[in-house]
């Protein structure tokens, strides 16, 4: 992964060669047009990120803001990390279907949409996917996913045990 010393998106963009800056700026504008209220732009993990800040949701597994989107210029391509389609099968299916209907090849892993130019993308579908998960829904998806992890199951069992113990201590 590419790293950066940038403290904000403007510094990140300014550090890129002009041709790459143009693509990244266009993608940033697309994100900003479609991004639901409540997410904050920041720099993290070597890229421009759109997150739910810790002040709004501190319960993350790694103590970092809850990342919804990430945008970066890699060495040979660009990457848009999209946690909405990653956590929501309906969104994933819609995004894949839109690319197929447009006759465009979708180069996407679990959350990473890779592209070499804006023309590689079905921009309307990408914008729709970005717009489709407000922070409250994203937190629900995140919590559901965390509940299915080993650590999440252990925490649930611990909470249930504590609740059971507390109810036994209440006088009748």
N, C-alpha and C. Protein backbone atom coordinates (compact mmCIF):
# COMPACT_ATOMS: atom_id res chain seq x y z
N UNK A 1 0.84 -1.19 0.00
CA UNK A 1 0.00 0.00 0.00
C UNK A 1 0.88 1.24 0.00
N UNK A 2 0.45 2.23 -0.72
CA UNK A 2 1.17 3.50 -0.79
C UNK A 2 0.97 4.24 0.53
N UNK A 3 2.02 4.91 0.99
CA UNK A 3 1.93 5.70 2.21
C UNK A 3 2.00 7.18 1.86
N UNK A 4 1.64 8.02 2.81
CA UNK A 4 1.68 9.46 2.58
C UNK A 4 1.99 10.18 3.88
N UNK A 5 2.61 11.34 3.76
CA UNK A 5 2.84 12.20 4.91
C UNK A 5 1.78 13.31 4.97
N UNK A 6 0.85 13.29 4.02
CA UNK A 6 -0.18 14.33 3.94
C UNK A 6 -1.02 14.35 5.21
N UNK A 7 -1.40 15.55 5.62
CA UNK A 7 -2.24 15.72 6.81
C UNK A 7 -3.71 15.90 6.44
N UNK A 8 -3.97 16.18 5.17
CA UNK A 8 -5.36 16.35 4.72
C UNK A 8 -5.44 16.02 3.23
N UNK A 9 -6.66 15.99 2.71
CA UNK A 9 -6.87 15.60 1.32
C UNK A 9 -6.18 16.55 0.34
N UNK A 10 -6.19 17.83 0.63
CA UNK A 10 -5.55 18.79 -0.27
C UNK A 10 -4.05 18.51 -0.40
N UNK A 11 -3.39 18.23 0.72
CA UNK A 11 -1.97 17.89 0.68
C UNK A 11 -1.74 16.58 -0.07
N UNK A 12 -2.62 15.61 0.15
CA UNK A 12 -2.51 14.33 -0.55
C UNK A 12 -2.58 14.56 -2.05
N UNK A 13 -3.57 15.30 -2.49
CA UNK A 13 -3.75 15.56 -3.92
C UNK A 13 -2.58 16.35 -4.49
N UNK A 14 -2.10 17.34 -3.75
CA UNK A 14 -0.99 18.17 -4.21
C UNK A 14 0.29 17.36 -4.39
N UNK A 15 0.40 16.24 -3.69
CA UNK A 15 1.61 15.42 -3.78
C UNK A 15 1.63 14.54 -5.04
N UNK A 16 0.52 14.49 -5.76
CA UNK A 16 0.42 13.62 -6.93
C UNK A 16 0.82 14.34 -8.21
N UNK A 17 1.31 13.61 -9.21
CA UNK A 17 1.54 14.21 -10.52
C UNK A 17 0.20 14.71 -11.09
N UNK A 18 0.24 15.70 -11.94
CA UNK A 18 -0.96 16.37 -12.44
C UNK A 18 -2.00 15.40 -13.02
N UNK A 19 -1.59 14.46 -13.86
CA UNK A 19 -2.57 13.55 -14.47
C UNK A 19 -3.28 12.69 -13.42
N UNK A 20 -2.54 12.24 -12.42
CA UNK A 20 -3.15 11.42 -11.35
C UNK A 20 -3.99 12.29 -10.42
N UNK A 21 -3.55 13.52 -10.21
CA UNK A 21 -4.31 14.46 -9.39
C UNK A 21 -5.69 14.73 -10.00
N UNK A 22 -5.75 14.84 -11.33
CA UNK A 22 -7.04 15.10 -12.00
C UNK A 22 -8.03 13.97 -11.76
N UNK A 23 -7.59 12.74 -11.88
CA UNK A 23 -8.46 11.59 -11.66
C UNK A 23 -8.90 11.54 -10.20
N UNK A 24 -7.96 11.71 -9.29
CA UNK A 24 -8.28 11.66 -7.87
C UNK A 24 -9.22 12.79 -7.46
N UNK A 25 -9.01 13.97 -8.02
CA UNK A 25 -9.89 15.10 -7.72
C UNK A 25 -11.30 14.83 -8.21
N UNK A 26 -11.43 14.27 -9.40
CA UNK A 26 -12.75 13.95 -9.94
C UNK A 26 -13.45 12.90 -9.07
N UNK A 27 -12.71 11.89 -8.62
CA UNK A 27 -13.31 10.87 -7.75
C UNK A 27 -13.69 11.46 -6.39
N UNK A 28 -12.86 12.33 -5.87
CA UNK A 28 -13.17 12.98 -4.60
C UNK A 28 -14.46 13.79 -4.72
N UNK A 29 -14.62 14.50 -5.83
CA UNK A 29 -15.85 15.28 -6.05
C UNK A 29 -17.07 14.37 -6.16
N UNK A 30 -16.92 13.24 -6.84
CA UNK A 30 -18.01 12.27 -6.94
C UNK A 30 -18.40 11.79 -5.54
N UNK A 31 -17.41 11.44 -4.74
CA UNK A 31 -17.67 10.99 -3.37
C UNK A 31 -18.39 12.08 -2.58
N UNK A 32 -17.88 13.30 -2.64
CA UNK A 32 -18.47 14.39 -1.87
C UNK A 32 -19.91 14.69 -2.29
N UNK A 33 -20.23 14.51 -3.58
CA UNK A 33 -21.60 14.73 -4.06
C UNK A 33 -22.56 13.68 -3.52
N UNK A 34 -22.08 12.46 -3.31
CA UNK A 34 -22.96 11.36 -2.95
C UNK A 34 -22.86 10.92 -1.48
N UNK A 35 -21.86 11.39 -0.79
CA UNK A 35 -21.61 10.94 0.58
C UNK A 35 -22.73 11.38 1.53
N UNK A 36 -23.34 10.43 2.23
CA UNK A 36 -24.36 10.81 3.21
C UNK A 36 -23.77 11.67 4.32
N UNK A 37 -24.59 12.52 4.91
CA UNK A 37 -24.15 13.36 6.03
C UNK A 37 -23.76 12.47 7.21
N UNK A 38 -22.73 12.92 7.91
CA UNK A 38 -22.28 12.21 9.10
C UNK A 38 -20.90 11.59 8.96
N UNK A 39 -20.44 11.44 7.72
CA UNK A 39 -19.08 10.95 7.49
C UNK A 39 -18.15 12.15 7.42
N UNK A 40 -16.89 11.94 7.79
CA UNK A 40 -15.89 13.01 7.82
C UNK A 40 -14.71 12.59 6.95
N UNK A 41 -14.21 13.54 6.15
CA UNK A 41 -13.02 13.28 5.33
C UNK A 41 -11.78 13.39 6.21
N UNK A 42 -10.87 12.46 6.03
CA UNK A 42 -9.61 12.48 6.78
C UNK A 42 -8.54 11.74 5.98
N UNK A 43 -7.37 11.65 6.55
CA UNK A 43 -6.29 10.85 5.97
C UNK A 43 -6.02 9.71 6.94
N UNK A 44 -5.97 8.52 6.41
CA UNK A 44 -5.69 7.35 7.22
C UNK A 44 -5.27 6.20 6.33
N UNK A 45 -4.45 5.31 6.86
CA UNK A 45 -4.02 4.15 6.10
C UNK A 45 -3.39 4.54 4.75
N UNK A 46 -2.80 5.72 4.68
CA UNK A 46 -2.11 6.16 3.47
C UNK A 46 -3.03 6.65 2.36
N UNK A 47 -4.26 7.02 2.71
CA UNK A 47 -5.21 7.45 1.67
C UNK A 47 -6.20 8.46 2.23
N UNK A 48 -7.00 9.00 1.32
CA UNK A 48 -8.12 9.85 1.72
C UNK A 48 -9.22 8.92 2.20
N UNK A 49 -9.72 9.18 3.40
CA UNK A 49 -10.75 8.32 3.99
C UNK A 49 -12.00 9.12 4.32
N UNK A 50 -13.09 8.41 4.37
CA UNK A 50 -14.37 8.96 4.80
C UNK A 50 -14.84 8.05 5.92
N UNK A 51 -14.92 8.62 7.12
CA UNK A 51 -15.08 7.83 8.33
C UNK A 51 -16.19 8.37 9.22
N UNK A 52 -16.61 7.52 10.15
CA UNK A 52 -17.43 7.97 11.27
C UNK A 52 -16.42 8.24 12.39
N UNK A 53 -16.31 9.49 12.83
CA UNK A 53 -15.28 9.82 13.83
C UNK A 53 -15.52 9.10 15.16
N UNK A 54 -14.45 8.92 15.91
CA UNK A 54 -14.53 8.25 17.21
C UNK A 54 -15.47 8.97 18.17
N UNK A 55 -15.61 10.28 18.02
CA UNK A 55 -16.53 11.01 18.90
C UNK A 55 -17.97 10.55 18.69
N UNK A 56 -18.28 10.11 17.49
CA UNK A 56 -19.64 9.65 17.16
C UNK A 56 -19.81 8.16 17.40
N UNK A 57 -18.73 7.40 17.20
CA UNK A 57 -18.78 5.94 17.38
C UNK A 57 -17.40 5.44 17.80
N UNK A 58 -17.19 5.32 19.13
CA UNK A 58 -15.88 4.91 19.63
C UNK A 58 -15.69 3.40 19.76
N UNK A 59 -16.69 2.61 19.46
CA UNK A 59 -16.67 1.17 19.73
C UNK A 59 -16.01 0.34 18.62
N UNK A 60 -14.97 0.82 17.98
CA UNK A 60 -14.35 0.08 16.89
C UNK A 60 -13.37 -0.95 17.43
N UNK A 61 -13.15 -2.00 16.67
CA UNK A 61 -12.29 -3.10 17.12
C UNK A 61 -10.83 -2.67 17.23
N UNK A 62 -10.42 -1.65 16.48
CA UNK A 62 -9.01 -1.27 16.46
C UNK A 62 -8.74 0.12 17.05
N UNK A 63 -9.76 0.76 17.59
CA UNK A 63 -9.58 2.08 18.17
C UNK A 63 -9.44 3.20 17.16
N UNK A 64 -9.62 2.90 15.89
CA UNK A 64 -9.55 3.88 14.81
C UNK A 64 -10.97 4.28 14.40
N UNK A 65 -11.13 5.46 13.77
CA UNK A 65 -12.46 5.82 13.26
C UNK A 65 -12.99 4.73 12.33
N UNK A 66 -14.29 4.57 12.30
CA UNK A 66 -14.93 3.54 11.49
C UNK A 66 -14.91 3.97 10.03
N UNK A 67 -14.09 3.30 9.22
CA UNK A 67 -13.88 3.67 7.83
C UNK A 67 -14.98 3.18 6.91
N UNK A 68 -15.57 4.09 6.16
CA UNK A 68 -16.62 3.77 5.20
C UNK A 68 -16.06 3.69 3.77
N UNK A 69 -15.24 4.68 3.40
CA UNK A 69 -14.62 4.73 2.07
C UNK A 69 -13.15 5.10 2.20
N UNK A 70 -12.37 4.63 1.25
CA UNK A 70 -10.98 5.05 1.14
C UNK A 70 -10.67 5.26 -0.33
N UNK A 71 -9.90 6.28 -0.64
CA UNK A 71 -9.54 6.60 -2.02
C UNK A 71 -8.05 6.84 -2.08
N UNK A 72 -7.36 6.10 -2.97
CA UNK A 72 -5.92 6.31 -3.07
C UNK A 72 -5.42 6.06 -4.48
N UNK A 73 -4.27 6.64 -4.74
CA UNK A 73 -3.55 6.43 -5.99
C UNK A 73 -2.43 5.45 -5.69
N UNK A 74 -2.57 4.22 -6.18
CA UNK A 74 -1.52 3.23 -6.04
C UNK A 74 -0.50 3.45 -7.16
N UNK A 75 0.50 2.62 -7.22
CA UNK A 75 1.56 2.80 -8.22
C UNK A 75 1.03 2.70 -9.65
N UNK A 76 0.21 1.68 -9.93
CA UNK A 76 -0.25 1.44 -11.29
C UNK A 76 -1.75 1.60 -11.50
N UNK A 77 -2.47 1.96 -10.46
CA UNK A 77 -3.92 2.08 -10.56
C UNK A 77 -4.44 2.95 -9.42
N UNK A 78 -5.72 3.17 -9.42
CA UNK A 78 -6.40 3.88 -8.34
C UNK A 78 -7.24 2.84 -7.60
N UNK A 79 -7.55 3.13 -6.35
CA UNK A 79 -8.38 2.21 -5.58
C UNK A 79 -9.42 2.99 -4.79
N UNK A 80 -10.63 2.48 -4.84
CA UNK A 80 -11.72 3.01 -4.03
C UNK A 80 -12.18 1.87 -3.14
N UNK A 81 -11.92 2.00 -1.85
CA UNK A 81 -12.34 0.98 -0.89
C UNK A 81 -13.75 1.33 -0.44
N UNK A 82 -14.67 0.43 -0.72
CA UNK A 82 -16.10 0.68 -0.48
C UNK A 82 -16.64 -0.34 0.52
N UNK A 83 -16.86 0.10 1.74
CA UNK A 83 -17.34 -0.83 2.76
C UNK A 83 -18.85 -1.06 2.67
N UNK A 84 -19.59 -0.21 1.98
CA UNK A 84 -21.02 -0.43 1.81
C UNK A 84 -21.30 -1.73 1.07
N UNK A 85 -20.84 -1.87 -0.17
CA UNK A 85 -21.06 -3.12 -0.89
C UNK A 85 -20.39 -4.33 -0.22
N UNK A 86 -19.29 -4.10 0.49
CA UNK A 86 -18.62 -5.19 1.18
C UNK A 86 -19.51 -5.77 2.28
N UNK A 87 -20.24 -4.90 2.97
CA UNK A 87 -21.07 -5.35 4.09
C UNK A 87 -22.52 -5.61 3.74
N UNK A 88 -22.93 -5.24 2.54
CA UNK A 88 -24.34 -5.36 2.16
C UNK A 88 -24.44 -6.06 0.80
N UNK A 89 -24.87 -7.30 0.81
CA UNK A 89 -24.91 -8.12 -0.40
C UNK A 89 -25.79 -7.49 -1.49
N UNK A 90 -26.86 -6.82 -1.10
CA UNK A 90 -27.74 -6.17 -2.09
C UNK A 90 -26.97 -5.09 -2.84
N UNK A 91 -26.22 -4.27 -2.12
CA UNK A 91 -25.41 -3.23 -2.76
C UNK A 91 -24.37 -3.84 -3.69
N UNK A 92 -23.72 -4.89 -3.22
CA UNK A 92 -22.70 -5.56 -4.02
C UNK A 92 -23.30 -6.06 -5.33
N UNK A 93 -24.45 -6.71 -5.24
CA UNK A 93 -25.13 -7.25 -6.42
C UNK A 93 -25.52 -6.13 -7.39
N UNK A 94 -26.06 -5.03 -6.86
CA UNK A 94 -26.46 -3.90 -7.70
C UNK A 94 -25.27 -3.29 -8.41
N UNK A 95 -24.16 -3.13 -7.69
CA UNK A 95 -22.95 -2.56 -8.29
C UNK A 95 -22.43 -3.45 -9.41
N UNK A 96 -22.35 -4.73 -9.15
CA UNK A 96 -21.87 -5.68 -10.16
C UNK A 96 -22.80 -5.72 -11.37
N UNK A 97 -24.09 -5.69 -11.13
CA UNK A 97 -25.07 -5.71 -12.23
C UNK A 97 -24.97 -4.46 -13.09
N UNK A 98 -24.76 -3.31 -12.46
CA UNK A 98 -24.64 -2.05 -13.20
C UNK A 98 -23.42 -2.05 -14.11
N UNK A 99 -22.31 -2.56 -13.62
CA UNK A 99 -21.10 -2.65 -14.45
C UNK A 99 -21.35 -3.58 -15.63
N UNK A 100 -21.97 -4.71 -15.36
CA UNK A 100 -22.25 -5.68 -16.42
C UNK A 100 -23.18 -5.08 -17.47
N UNK A 101 -24.24 -4.40 -17.03
CA UNK A 101 -25.20 -3.79 -17.96
C UNK A 101 -24.54 -2.71 -18.82
N UNK A 102 -23.53 -2.03 -18.25
CA UNK A 102 -22.82 -0.98 -18.98
C UNK A 102 -21.71 -1.56 -19.87
N UNK A 103 -21.49 -2.86 -19.78
CA UNK A 103 -20.43 -3.49 -20.57
C UNK A 103 -19.04 -3.16 -20.06
N UNK A 104 -18.93 -2.87 -18.76
CA UNK A 104 -17.64 -2.52 -18.17
C UNK A 104 -17.17 -3.64 -17.26
N UNK A 105 -15.86 -3.87 -17.28
CA UNK A 105 -15.28 -4.90 -16.43
C UNK A 105 -15.10 -4.35 -15.02
N UNK A 106 -15.68 -5.04 -14.06
CA UNK A 106 -15.54 -4.65 -12.66
C UNK A 106 -14.31 -5.35 -12.09
N UNK A 107 -13.32 -4.58 -11.67
CA UNK A 107 -12.12 -5.12 -11.05
C UNK A 107 -12.23 -4.83 -9.55
N UNK A 108 -12.86 -5.76 -8.84
CA UNK A 108 -13.14 -5.52 -7.43
C UNK A 108 -12.88 -6.77 -6.61
N UNK A 109 -12.17 -6.58 -5.51
CA UNK A 109 -11.99 -7.64 -4.53
C UNK A 109 -13.15 -7.55 -3.54
N UNK A 110 -12.87 -7.81 -2.28
CA UNK A 110 -13.93 -7.75 -1.28
C UNK A 110 -14.49 -6.34 -1.13
N UNK A 111 -13.61 -5.37 -1.00
CA UNK A 111 -14.07 -3.98 -0.87
C UNK A 111 -13.35 -3.04 -1.82
N UNK A 112 -12.29 -3.50 -2.44
CA UNK A 112 -11.42 -2.63 -3.23
C UNK A 112 -11.81 -2.62 -4.71
N UNK A 113 -12.30 -1.49 -5.16
CA UNK A 113 -12.62 -1.28 -6.57
C UNK A 113 -11.39 -0.63 -7.22
N UNK A 114 -10.73 -1.39 -8.10
CA UNK A 114 -9.52 -0.90 -8.77
C UNK A 114 -9.87 -0.38 -10.16
N UNK A 115 -9.23 0.73 -10.54
CA UNK A 115 -9.45 1.29 -11.87
C UNK A 115 -8.21 2.06 -12.32
N UNK A 116 -8.04 2.16 -13.62
CA UNK A 116 -6.89 2.87 -14.19
C UNK A 116 -7.29 4.23 -14.75
N UNK A 117 -8.59 4.39 -15.03
CA UNK A 117 -9.10 5.69 -15.50
C UNK A 117 -10.57 5.80 -15.11
N UNK A 118 -11.09 7.00 -15.16
CA UNK A 118 -12.51 7.20 -14.83
C UNK A 118 -13.41 6.46 -15.80
N UNK A 119 -12.95 6.28 -17.03
CA UNK A 119 -13.73 5.59 -18.05
C UNK A 119 -13.93 4.11 -17.71
N UNK A 120 -13.10 3.56 -16.83
CA UNK A 120 -13.25 2.16 -16.40
C UNK A 120 -14.46 1.98 -15.49
N UNK A 121 -14.96 3.07 -14.95
CA UNK A 121 -16.00 2.99 -13.93
C UNK A 121 -17.39 3.26 -14.47
N UNK A 122 -18.36 2.67 -13.84
CA UNK A 122 -19.77 3.01 -14.05
C UNK A 122 -20.07 4.01 -12.93
N UNK A 123 -19.80 5.29 -13.22
CA UNK A 123 -19.81 6.33 -12.19
C UNK A 123 -21.16 6.49 -11.50
N UNK A 124 -22.24 6.36 -12.24
CA UNK A 124 -23.57 6.49 -11.64
C UNK A 124 -23.78 5.40 -10.58
N UNK A 125 -23.39 4.18 -10.90
CA UNK A 125 -23.55 3.07 -9.95
C UNK A 125 -22.64 3.24 -8.74
N UNK A 126 -21.43 3.74 -8.96
CA UNK A 126 -20.51 3.99 -7.84
C UNK A 126 -21.10 5.06 -6.93
N UNK A 127 -21.61 6.13 -7.52
CA UNK A 127 -22.24 7.19 -6.73
C UNK A 127 -23.44 6.68 -5.94
N UNK A 128 -24.25 5.85 -6.57
CA UNK A 128 -25.42 5.28 -5.90
C UNK A 128 -24.99 4.41 -4.72
N UNK A 129 -23.95 3.61 -4.92
CA UNK A 129 -23.46 2.76 -3.83
C UNK A 129 -22.95 3.62 -2.67
N UNK A 130 -22.23 4.68 -2.97
CA UNK A 130 -21.71 5.57 -1.93
C UNK A 130 -22.87 6.19 -1.15
N UNK A 131 -23.91 6.63 -1.85
CA UNK A 131 -25.04 7.32 -1.23
C UNK A 131 -25.94 6.40 -0.43
N UNK A 132 -25.85 5.11 -0.64
CA UNK A 132 -26.85 4.20 -0.10
C UNK A 132 -26.66 3.75 1.35
N UNK A 133 -25.60 4.17 2.00
CA UNK A 133 -25.39 3.73 3.38
C UNK A 133 -25.12 4.91 4.30
N UNK A 134 -26.16 5.45 4.92
CA UNK A 134 -25.93 6.50 5.91
C UNK A 134 -25.20 5.92 7.13
N UNK A 135 -24.57 6.77 7.92
CA UNK A 135 -23.78 6.27 9.06
C UNK A 135 -24.54 5.32 9.99
N UNK A 136 -25.78 5.60 10.30
CA UNK A 136 -26.55 4.73 11.20
C UNK A 136 -26.62 3.31 10.63
N UNK A 137 -26.90 3.18 9.34
CA UNK A 137 -26.97 1.86 8.70
C UNK A 137 -25.59 1.21 8.67
N UNK A 138 -24.55 1.99 8.41
CA UNK A 138 -23.20 1.43 8.37
C UNK A 138 -22.80 0.88 9.73
N UNK A 139 -23.16 1.57 10.79
CA UNK A 139 -22.88 1.09 12.15
C UNK A 139 -23.62 -0.23 12.39
N UNK A 140 -24.87 -0.33 11.94
CA UNK A 140 -25.62 -1.58 12.07
C UNK A 140 -24.91 -2.73 11.35
N UNK A 141 -24.46 -2.48 10.12
CA UNK A 141 -23.74 -3.50 9.36
C UNK A 141 -22.45 -3.89 10.07
N UNK A 142 -21.73 -2.90 10.57
CA UNK A 142 -20.47 -3.14 11.27
C UNK A 142 -20.71 -3.99 12.52
N UNK A 143 -21.71 -3.61 13.31
CA UNK A 143 -21.98 -4.34 14.54
C UNK A 143 -22.44 -5.77 14.26
N UNK A 144 -23.23 -5.96 13.22
CA UNK A 144 -23.66 -7.31 12.85
C UNK A 144 -22.45 -8.15 12.44
N UNK A 145 -21.54 -7.57 11.68
CA UNK A 145 -20.34 -8.29 11.26
C UNK A 145 -19.46 -8.62 12.46
N UNK A 146 -19.31 -7.67 13.36
CA UNK A 146 -18.48 -7.90 14.55
C UNK A 146 -19.07 -8.99 15.45
N UNK A 147 -20.40 -9.06 15.51
CA UNK A 147 -21.06 -10.06 16.35
C UNK A 147 -20.76 -11.47 15.86
N UNK A 148 -20.42 -11.61 14.59
CA UNK A 148 -20.12 -12.93 14.01
C UNK A 148 -18.66 -13.34 14.14
N UNK A 149 -17.83 -12.46 14.69
CA UNK A 149 -16.43 -12.82 14.87
C UNK A 149 -16.27 -13.57 16.20
N UNK A 150 -15.16 -14.24 16.35
CA UNK A 150 -14.88 -14.96 17.60
C UNK A 150 -14.91 -13.99 18.78
N UNK A 151 -14.27 -12.84 18.62
CA UNK A 151 -14.24 -11.84 19.70
C UNK A 151 -15.64 -11.31 19.98
N UNK A 152 -16.43 -11.11 18.94
CA UNK A 152 -17.79 -10.62 19.11
C UNK A 152 -18.66 -11.61 19.85
N UNK A 153 -18.53 -12.88 19.53
CA UNK A 153 -19.30 -13.92 20.21
C UNK A 153 -18.90 -14.01 21.68
N UNK A 154 -17.61 -13.87 21.94
CA UNK A 154 -17.11 -13.90 23.32
C UNK A 154 -17.67 -12.71 24.11
N UNK A 155 -17.67 -11.53 23.50
CA UNK A 155 -18.19 -10.33 24.17
C UNK A 155 -19.68 -10.47 24.43
N UNK A 156 -20.44 -11.03 23.48
CA UNK A 156 -21.88 -11.23 23.67
C UNK A 156 -22.14 -12.18 24.82
N UNK A 157 -21.37 -13.26 24.89
CA UNK A 157 -21.53 -14.23 25.97
C UNK A 157 -21.22 -13.57 27.31
N UNK A 158 -20.20 -12.74 27.34
CA UNK A 158 -19.81 -12.05 28.57
C UNK A 158 -20.92 -11.09 29.01
N UNK A 159 -21.50 -10.34 28.06
CA UNK A 159 -22.60 -9.42 28.38
C UNK A 159 -23.81 -10.19 28.90
N UNK A 160 -24.14 -11.30 28.25
CA UNK A 160 -25.29 -12.11 28.66
C UNK A 160 -25.07 -12.66 30.07
N UNK A 161 -23.86 -13.10 30.35
CA UNK A 161 -23.54 -13.62 31.68
C UNK A 161 -23.65 -12.53 32.73
N UNK A 162 -23.15 -11.35 32.42
CA UNK A 162 -23.22 -10.23 33.35
C UNK A 162 -24.67 -9.83 33.61
N UNK A 163 -25.48 -9.85 32.57
CA UNK A 163 -26.90 -9.50 32.69
C UNK A 163 -27.61 -10.53 33.57
N UNK A 164 -27.29 -11.80 33.39
CA UNK A 164 -27.90 -12.88 34.16
C UNK A 164 -27.51 -12.75 35.63
N UNK A 165 -26.23 -12.45 35.89
CA UNK A 165 -25.74 -12.28 37.25
C UNK A 165 -26.41 -11.09 37.91
N UNK A 166 -26.56 -9.99 37.18
CA UNK A 166 -27.20 -8.79 37.72
C UNK A 166 -28.66 -9.05 38.07
N UNK A 167 -29.35 -9.81 37.24
CA UNK A 167 -30.77 -10.08 37.49
C UNK A 167 -30.95 -10.98 38.72
N UNK A 168 -29.98 -11.87 39.02
CA UNK A 168 -30.03 -12.73 40.20
C UNK A 168 -29.85 -11.94 41.48
N UNK A 169 -29.10 -10.84 41.39
CA UNK A 169 -28.81 -10.02 42.56
C UNK A 169 -29.95 -9.10 42.96
N UNK A 170 -30.91 -8.89 42.05
CA UNK A 170 -32.04 -7.98 42.35
C UNK A 170 -32.96 -8.63 43.37
N UNK A 171 -33.35 -7.85 44.39
CA UNK A 171 -34.26 -8.40 45.40
C UNK A 171 -35.66 -8.63 44.80
N UNK A 172 -36.33 -9.65 45.29
CA UNK A 172 -37.66 -9.99 44.76
C UNK A 172 -38.75 -9.13 45.33
